[in-house]
All heavy atoms as atom14 arrays in JSON, in Angstrom:
{
  "sequence": "DLLYELGREAGLTGGVHRQETYDVPYEQVGTG",
  "atom14_mask": [
    [1, 1, 1, 1, 1, 1, 1, 1, 0, 0, 0, 0, 0, 0],
    [1, 1, 1, 1, 1, 1, 1, 1, 0, 0, 0, 0, 0, 0],
    [1, 1, 1, 1, 1, 1, 1, 1, 0, 0, 0, 0, 0, 0],
    [1, 1, 1, 1, 1, 1, 1, 1, 1, 1, 1, 1, 0, 0],
    [1, 1, 1, 1, 1, 1, 1, 1, 1, 0, 0, 0, 0, 0],
    [1, 1, 1, 1, 1, 1, 1, 1, 0, 0, 0, 0, 0, 0],
    [1, 1, 1, 1, 0, 0, 0, 0, 0, 0, 0, 0, 0, 0],
    [1, 1, 1, 1, 1, 1, 1, 1, 1, 1, 1, 0, 0, 0],
    [1, 1, 1, 1, 1, 1, 1, 1, 1, 0, 0, 0, 0, 0],
    [1, 1, 1, 1, 1, 0, 0, 0, 0, 0, 0, 0, 0, 0],
    [1, 1, 1, 1, 0, 0, 0, 0, 0, 0, 0, 0, 0, 0],
    [1, 1, 1, 1, 1, 1, 1, 1, 0, 0, 0, 0, 0, 0],
    [1, 1, 1, 1, 1, 1, 1, 0, 0, 0, 0, 0, 0, 0],
    [1, 1, 1, 1, 0, 0, 0, 0, 0, 0, 0, 0, 0, 0],
    [1, 1, 1, 1, 0, 0, 0, 0, 0, 0, 0, 0, 0, 0],
    [1, 1, 1, 1, 1, 1, 1, 0, 0, 0, 0, 0, 0, 0],
    [1, 1, 1, 1, 1, 1, 1, 1, 1, 1, 0, 0, 0, 0],
    [1, 1, 1, 1, 1, 1, 1, 1, 1, 1, 1, 0, 0, 0],
    [1, 1, 1, 1, 1, 1, 1, 1, 1, 0, 0, 0, 0, 0],
    [1, 1, 1, 1, 1, 1, 1, 1, 1, 0, 0, 0, 0, 0],
    [1, 1, 1, 1, 1, 1, 1, 0, 0, 0, 0, 0, 0, 0],
    [1, 1, 1, 1, 1, 1, 1, 1, 1, 1, 1, 1, 0, 0],
    [1, 1, 1, 1, 1, 1, 1, 1, 0, 0, 0, 0, 0, 0],
    [1, 1, 1, 1, 1, 1, 1, 0, 0, 0, 0, 0, 0, 0],
    [1, 1, 1, 1, 1, 1, 1, 0, 0, 0, 0, 0, 0, 0],
    [1, 1, 1, 1, 1, 1, 1, 1, 1, 1, 1, 1, 0, 0],
    [1, 1, 1, 1, 1, 1, 1, 1, 1, 0, 0, 0, 0, 0],
    [1, 1, 1, 1, 1, 1, 1, 1, 1, 0, 0, 0, 0, 0],
    [1, 1, 1, 1, 1, 1, 1, 0, 0, 0, 0, 0, 0, 0],
    [1, 1, 1, 1, 0, 0, 0, 0, 0, 0, 0, 0, 0, 0],
    [1, 1, 1, 1, 1, 1, 1, 0, 0, 0, 0, 0, 0, 0],
    [1, 1, 1, 1, 0, 0, 0, 0, 0, 0, 0, 0, 0, 0]
  ],
  "atom14_positions": [
    [[127.6, 60.7, -69.98], [127.16, 60.21, -68.68], [126.94, 61.36, -67.7], [125.93, 61.4, -66.99], [128.18, 59.22, -68.1], [128.23, 57.9, -68.84], [127.24, 57.59, -69.54], [129.24, 57.19, -68.73], [0.0, 0.0, 0.0], [0.0, 0.0, 0.0], [0.0, 0.0, 0.0], [0.0, 0.0, 0.0], [0.0, 0.0, 0.0], [0.0, 0.0, 0.0]],
    [[127.87, 62.3, -67.67], [127.72, 63.44, -66.79], [126.53, 64.29, -67.21], [125.77, 64.78, -66.36], [128.99, 64.29, -66.79], [128.96, 65.57, -65.96], [128.59, 65.31, -64.51], [130.31, 66.3, -66.04], [0.0, 0.0, 0.0], [0.0, 0.0, 0.0], [0.0, 0.0, 0.0], [0.0, 0.0, 0.0], [0.0, 0.0, 0.0], [0.0, 0.0, 0.0]],
    [[126.34, 64.46, -68.5], [125.21, 65.26, -68.98], [123.88, 64.64, -68.56], [122.98, 65.34, -68.08], [125.28, 65.39, -70.5], [124.27, 66.36, -71.1], [124.56, 67.8, -70.69], [124.27, 66.24, -72.63], [0.0, 0.0, 0.0], [0.0, 0.0, 0.0], [0.0, 0.0, 0.0], [0.0, 0.0, 0.0], [0.0, 0.0, 0.0], [0.0, 0.0, 0.0]],
    [[123.74, 63.34, -68.71], [122.51, 62.67, -68.29], [122.31, 62.8, -66.78], [121.17, 62.96, -66.3], [122.55, 61.2, -68.68], [122.26, 60.92, -70.14], [122.54, 59.68, -70.7], [121.68, 61.89, -70.96], [122.28, 59.41, -72.04], [121.42, 61.62, -72.3], [121.72, 60.38, -72.83], [121.44, 60.11, -74.14], [0.0, 0.0, 0.0], [0.0, 0.0, 0.0]],
    [[123.41, 62.72, -66.02], [123.31, 62.89, -64.57], [122.82, 64.29, -64.22], [121.94, 64.46, -63.35], [124.68, 62.65, -63.94], [124.71, 62.82, -62.43], [126.1, 62.62, -61.85], [126.9, 61.88, -62.45], [126.38, 63.24, -60.8], [0.0, 0.0, 0.0], [0.0, 0.0, 0.0], [0.0, 0.0, 0.0], [0.0, 0.0, 0.0], [0.0, 0.0, 0.0]],
    [[123.34, 65.3, -64.91], [122.89, 66.67, -64.67], [121.42, 66.83, -65.06], [120.67, 67.57, -64.41], [123.75, 67.65, -65.47], [125.23, 67.71, -65.09], [125.98, 68.66, -66.01], [125.41, 68.13, -63.64], [0.0, 0.0, 0.0], [0.0, 0.0, 0.0], [0.0, 0.0, 0.0], [0.0, 0.0, 0.0], [0.0, 0.0, 0.0], [0.0, 0.0, 0.0]],
    [[121.02, 66.15, -66.11], [119.61, 66.18, -66.48], [118.72, 65.6, -65.4], [117.67, 66.17, -65.07], [0.0, 0.0, 0.0], [0.0, 0.0, 0.0], [0.0, 0.0, 0.0], [0.0, 0.0, 0.0], [0.0, 0.0, 0.0], [0.0, 0.0, 0.0], [0.0, 0.0, 0.0], [0.0, 0.0, 0.0], [0.0, 0.0, 0.0], [0.0, 0.0, 0.0]],
    [[119.13, 64.47, -64.85], [118.32, 63.85, -63.78], [118.23, 64.77, -62.58], [117.17, 64.86, -61.93], [118.93, 62.5, -63.39], [118.72, 61.42, -64.46], [119.1, 60.05, -63.94], [120.54, 59.93, -63.67], [121.44, 59.54, -64.55], [121.07, 59.24, -65.79], [122.72, 59.43, -64.23], [0.0, 0.0, 0.0], [0.0, 0.0, 0.0], [0.0, 0.0, 0.0]],
    [[119.33, 65.47, -62.25], [119.28, 66.43, -61.15], [118.24, 67.51, -61.39], [117.64, 68.04, -60.45], [120.66, 67.09, -60.97], [121.73, 66.18, -60.42], [123.07, 66.89, -60.34], [123.12, 68.11, -60.64], [124.07, 66.23, -59.98], [0.0, 0.0, 0.0], [0.0, 0.0, 0.0], [0.0, 0.0, 0.0], [0.0, 0.0, 0.0], [0.0, 0.0, 0.0]],
    [[118.02, 67.85, -62.66], [117.05, 68.89, -63.03], [115.67, 68.33, -63.29], [114.78, 69.07, -63.73], [117.56, 69.64, -64.26], [0.0, 0.0, 0.0], [0.0, 0.0, 0.0], [0.0, 0.0, 0.0], [0.0, 0.0, 0.0], [0.0, 0.0, 0.0], [0.0, 0.0, 0.0], [0.0, 0.0, 0.0], [0.0, 0.0, 0.0], [0.0, 0.0, 0.0]],
    [[115.47, 67.03, -63.03], [114.16, 66.41, -63.27], [113.91, 66.07, -64.72], [112.74, 65.96, -65.14], [0.0, 0.0, 0.0], [0.0, 0.0, 0.0], [0.0, 0.0, 0.0], [0.0, 0.0, 0.0], [0.0, 0.0, 0.0], [0.0, 0.0, 0.0], [0.0, 0.0, 0.0], [0.0, 0.0, 0.0], [0.0, 0.0, 0.0], [0.0, 0.0, 0.0]],
    [[114.96, 65.88, -65.51], [114.84, 65.61, -66.93], [115.45, 64.25, -67.27], [116.41, 63.82, -66.65], [115.56, 66.68, -67.74], [115.08, 68.13, -67.56], [116.06, 69.09, -68.21], [113.68, 68.31, -68.15], [0.0, 0.0, 0.0], [0.0, 0.0, 0.0], [0.0, 0.0, 0.0], [0.0, 0.0, 0.0], [0.0, 0.0, 0.0], [0.0, 0.0, 0.0]],
    [[114.87, 63.61, -68.28], [115.41, 62.36, -68.8], [115.95, 62.62, -70.19], [115.22, 63.07, -71.08], [114.34, 61.27, -68.86], [113.83, 61.04, -67.54], [114.91, 59.98, -69.4], [0.0, 0.0, 0.0], [0.0, 0.0, 0.0], [0.0, 0.0, 0.0], [0.0, 0.0, 0.0], [0.0, 0.0, 0.0], [0.0, 0.0, 0.0], [0.0, 0.0, 0.0]],
    [[117.23, 62.34, -70.38], [117.86, 62.59, -71.67], [117.93, 61.34, -72.51], [118.02, 60.22, -72.0], [0.0, 0.0, 0.0], [0.0, 0.0, 0.0], [0.0, 0.0, 0.0], [0.0, 0.0, 0.0], [0.0, 0.0, 0.0], [0.0, 0.0, 0.0], [0.0, 0.0, 0.0], [0.0, 0.0, 0.0], [0.0, 0.0, 0.0], [0.0, 0.0, 0.0]],
    [[117.91, 61.51, -73.83], [118.03, 60.39, -74.75], [118.43, 60.87, -76.13], [118.38, 62.07, -76.43], [0.0, 0.0, 0.0], [0.0, 0.0, 0.0], [0.0, 0.0, 0.0], [0.0, 0.0, 0.0], [0.0, 0.0, 0.0], [0.0, 0.0, 0.0], [0.0, 0.0, 0.0], [0.0, 0.0, 0.0], [0.0, 0.0, 0.0], [0.0, 0.0, 0.0]],
    [[118.84, 59.95, -76.97], [119.26, 60.28, -78.33], [118.03, 60.44, -79.21], [117.22, 59.53, -79.35], [120.18, 59.18, -78.9], [120.48, 59.45, -80.37], [121.48, 59.12, -78.09], [0.0, 0.0, 0.0], [0.0, 0.0, 0.0], [0.0, 0.0, 0.0], [0.0, 0.0, 0.0], [0.0, 0.0, 0.0], [0.0, 0.0, 0.0], [0.0, 0.0, 0.0]],
    [[117.87, 61.63, -79.79], [116.8, 61.87, -80.76], [117.21, 61.37, -82.13], [116.42, 60.73, -82.82], [116.48, 63.37, -80.8], [115.39, 63.73, -81.76], [114.06, 63.52, -81.48], [115.44, 64.28, -83.01], [113.33, 63.93, -82.49], [114.14, 64.39, -83.44], [0.0, 0.0, 0.0], [0.0, 0.0, 0.0], [0.0, 0.0, 0.0], [0.0, 0.0, 0.0]],
    [[118.43, 61.66, -82.55], [118.97, 61.16, -83.82], [120.49, 61.23, -83.74], [121.04, 62.15, -83.11], [118.45, 61.99, -84.98], [118.69, 61.36, -86.36], [117.72, 60.21, -86.63], [116.36, 60.68, -86.69], [115.78, 61.22, -87.77], [116.47, 61.38, -88.88], [114.51, 61.58, -87.74], [0.0, 0.0, 0.0], [0.0, 0.0, 0.0], [0.0, 0.0, 0.0]],
    [[121.14, 60.29, -84.4], [122.6, 60.24, -84.35], [123.18, 59.73, -85.66], [122.62, 58.82, -86.28], [123.06, 59.32, -83.21], [124.56, 59.25, -83.01], [124.94, 58.31, -81.86], [124.79, 57.1, -81.97], [125.42, 58.89, -80.76], [0.0, 0.0, 0.0], [0.0, 0.0, 0.0], [0.0, 0.0, 0.0], [0.0, 0.0, 0.0], [0.0, 0.0, 0.0]],
    [[124.27, 60.37, -86.09], [125.06, 59.89, -87.22], [126.45, 59.52, -86.69], [127.07, 60.3, -85.96], [125.2, 60.97, -88.29], [123.93, 61.28, -89.05], [123.62, 60.24, -90.11], [124.55, 59.49, -90.51], [122.45, 60.17, -90.54], [0.0, 0.0, 0.0], [0.0, 0.0, 0.0], [0.0, 0.0, 0.0], [0.0, 0.0, 0.0], [0.0, 0.0, 0.0]],
    [[126.94, 58.35, -87.04], [128.27, 57.93, -86.62], [129.12, 57.63, -87.85], [128.6, 57.27, -88.92], [128.22, 56.68, -85.73], [127.65, 55.59, -86.47], [127.39, 56.94, -84.48], [0.0, 0.0, 0.0], [0.0, 0.0, 0.0], [0.0, 0.0, 0.0], [0.0, 0.0, 0.0], [0.0, 0.0, 0.0], [0.0, 0.0, 0.0], [0.0, 0.0, 0.0]],
    [[130.41, 57.8, -87.69], [131.32, 57.54, -88.8], [132.69, 57.2, -88.23], [133.08, 57.69, -87.17], [131.4, 58.73, -89.75], [131.6, 60.06, -89.08], [132.86, 60.65, -89.0], [130.52, 60.74, -88.51], [133.04, 61.86, -88.38], [130.69, 61.97, -87.89], [131.95, 62.52, -87.82], [132.14, 63.72, -87.2], [0.0, 0.0, 0.0], [0.0, 0.0, 0.0]],
    [[133.4, 56.32, -88.93], [134.73, 55.89, -88.52], [135.78, 56.62, -89.36], [135.66, 56.71, -90.59], [134.9, 54.38, -88.72], [134.01, 53.58, -87.78], [133.78, 54.04, -86.66], [133.53, 52.51, -88.2], [0.0, 0.0, 0.0], [0.0, 0.0, 0.0], [0.0, 0.0, 0.0], [0.0, 0.0, 0.0], [0.0, 0.0, 0.0], [0.0, 0.0, 0.0]],
    [[136.8, 57.13, -88.68], [137.91, 57.8, -89.38], [139.22, 57.31, -88.79], [139.3, 57.01, -87.59], [137.82, 59.34, -89.25], [136.55, 59.88, -89.89], [137.9, 59.77, -87.8], [0.0, 0.0, 0.0], [0.0, 0.0, 0.0], [0.0, 0.0, 0.0], [0.0, 0.0, 0.0], [0.0, 0.0, 0.0], [0.0, 0.0, 0.0], [0.0, 0.0, 0.0]],
    [[140.27, 57.19, -89.62], [141.59, 56.84, -89.07], [142.02, 57.91, -88.06], [141.9, 59.11, -88.33], [142.5, 56.84, -90.3], [141.58, 56.66, -91.47], [140.3, 57.34, -91.08], [0.0, 0.0, 0.0], [0.0, 0.0, 0.0], [0.0, 0.0, 0.0], [0.0, 0.0, 0.0], [0.0, 0.0, 0.0], [0.0, 0.0, 0.0], [0.0, 0.0, 0.0]],
    [[142.52, 57.48, -86.93], [142.84, 58.45, -85.89], [143.87, 59.46, -86.35], [143.88, 60.62, -85.91], [143.28, 57.75, -84.6], [144.7, 57.25, -84.58], [145.75, 58.1, -84.22], [145.0, 55.93, -84.89], [147.06, 57.64, -84.2], [146.31, 55.47, -84.87], [147.34, 56.32, -84.52], [148.64, 55.88, -84.49], [0.0, 0.0, 0.0], [0.0, 0.0, 0.0]],
    [[144.77, 59.07, -87.29], [145.79, 59.99, -87.76], [145.19, 61.21, -88.47], [145.82, 62.27, -88.53], [146.76, 59.29, -88.72], [147.56, 58.16, -88.11], [146.9, 56.82, -88.36], [145.67, 56.8, -88.59], [147.62, 55.8, -88.33], [0.0, 0.0, 0.0], [0.0, 0.0, 0.0], [0.0, 0.0, 0.0], [0.0, 0.0, 0.0], [0.0, 0.0, 0.0]],
    [[143.97, 61.05, -89.0], [143.32, 62.18, -89.65], [142.83, 63.2, -88.63], [142.59, 64.35, -88.97], [142.15, 61.71, -90.51], [142.56, 60.94, -91.75], [141.37, 60.6, -92.63], [140.27, 61.12, -92.46], [141.59, 59.71, -93.59], [0.0, 0.0, 0.0], [0.0, 0.0, 0.0], [0.0, 0.0, 0.0], [0.0, 0.0, 0.0], [0.0, 0.0, 0.0]],
    [[142.67, 62.77, -87.4], [142.2, 63.66, -86.34], [143.39, 64.23, -85.57], [143.45, 65.42, -85.26], [141.25, 62.91, -85.39], [140.7, 63.86, -84.33], [140.12, 62.26, -86.17], [0.0, 0.0, 0.0], [0.0, 0.0, 0.0], [0.0, 0.0, 0.0], [0.0, 0.0, 0.0], [0.0, 0.0, 0.0], [0.0, 0.0, 0.0], [0.0, 0.0, 0.0]],
    [[144.36, 63.4, -85.24], [145.55, 63.81, -84.52], [146.47, 62.62, -84.34], [146.04, 61.47, -84.41], [0.0, 0.0, 0.0], [0.0, 0.0, 0.0], [0.0, 0.0, 0.0], [0.0, 0.0, 0.0], [0.0, 0.0, 0.0], [0.0, 0.0, 0.0], [0.0, 0.0, 0.0], [0.0, 0.0, 0.0], [0.0, 0.0, 0.0], [0.0, 0.0, 0.0]],
    [[147.74, 62.91, -84.07], [148.73, 61.83, -84.04], [149.23, 61.49, -82.64], [149.99, 60.54, -82.47], [149.95, 62.19, -84.91], [150.5, 63.44, -84.46], [149.54, 62.32, -86.38], [0.0, 0.0, 0.0], [0.0, 0.0, 0.0], [0.0, 0.0, 0.0], [0.0, 0.0, 0.0], [0.0, 0.0, 0.0], [0.0, 0.0, 0.0], [0.0, 0.0, 0.0]],
    [[148.81, 62.23, -81.64], [149.27, 61.98, -80.29], [148.59, 60.79, -79.64], [147.62, 60.23, -80.18], [0.0, 0.0, 0.0], [0.0, 0.0, 0.0], [0.0, 0.0, 0.0], [0.0, 0.0, 0.0], [0.0, 0.0, 0.0], [0.0, 0.0, 0.0], [0.0, 0.0, 0.0], [0.0, 0.0, 0.0], [0.0, 0.0, 0.0], [0.0, 0.0, 0.0]]
  ]
}
């Protein structure tokens, strides 16, 4: 959201060109 806002300030419109998503158990990333 902040990145898109900064883009608008610069006269730019941001959008997703391509995206890969994946689900992982949070414990594999960190336990806190």
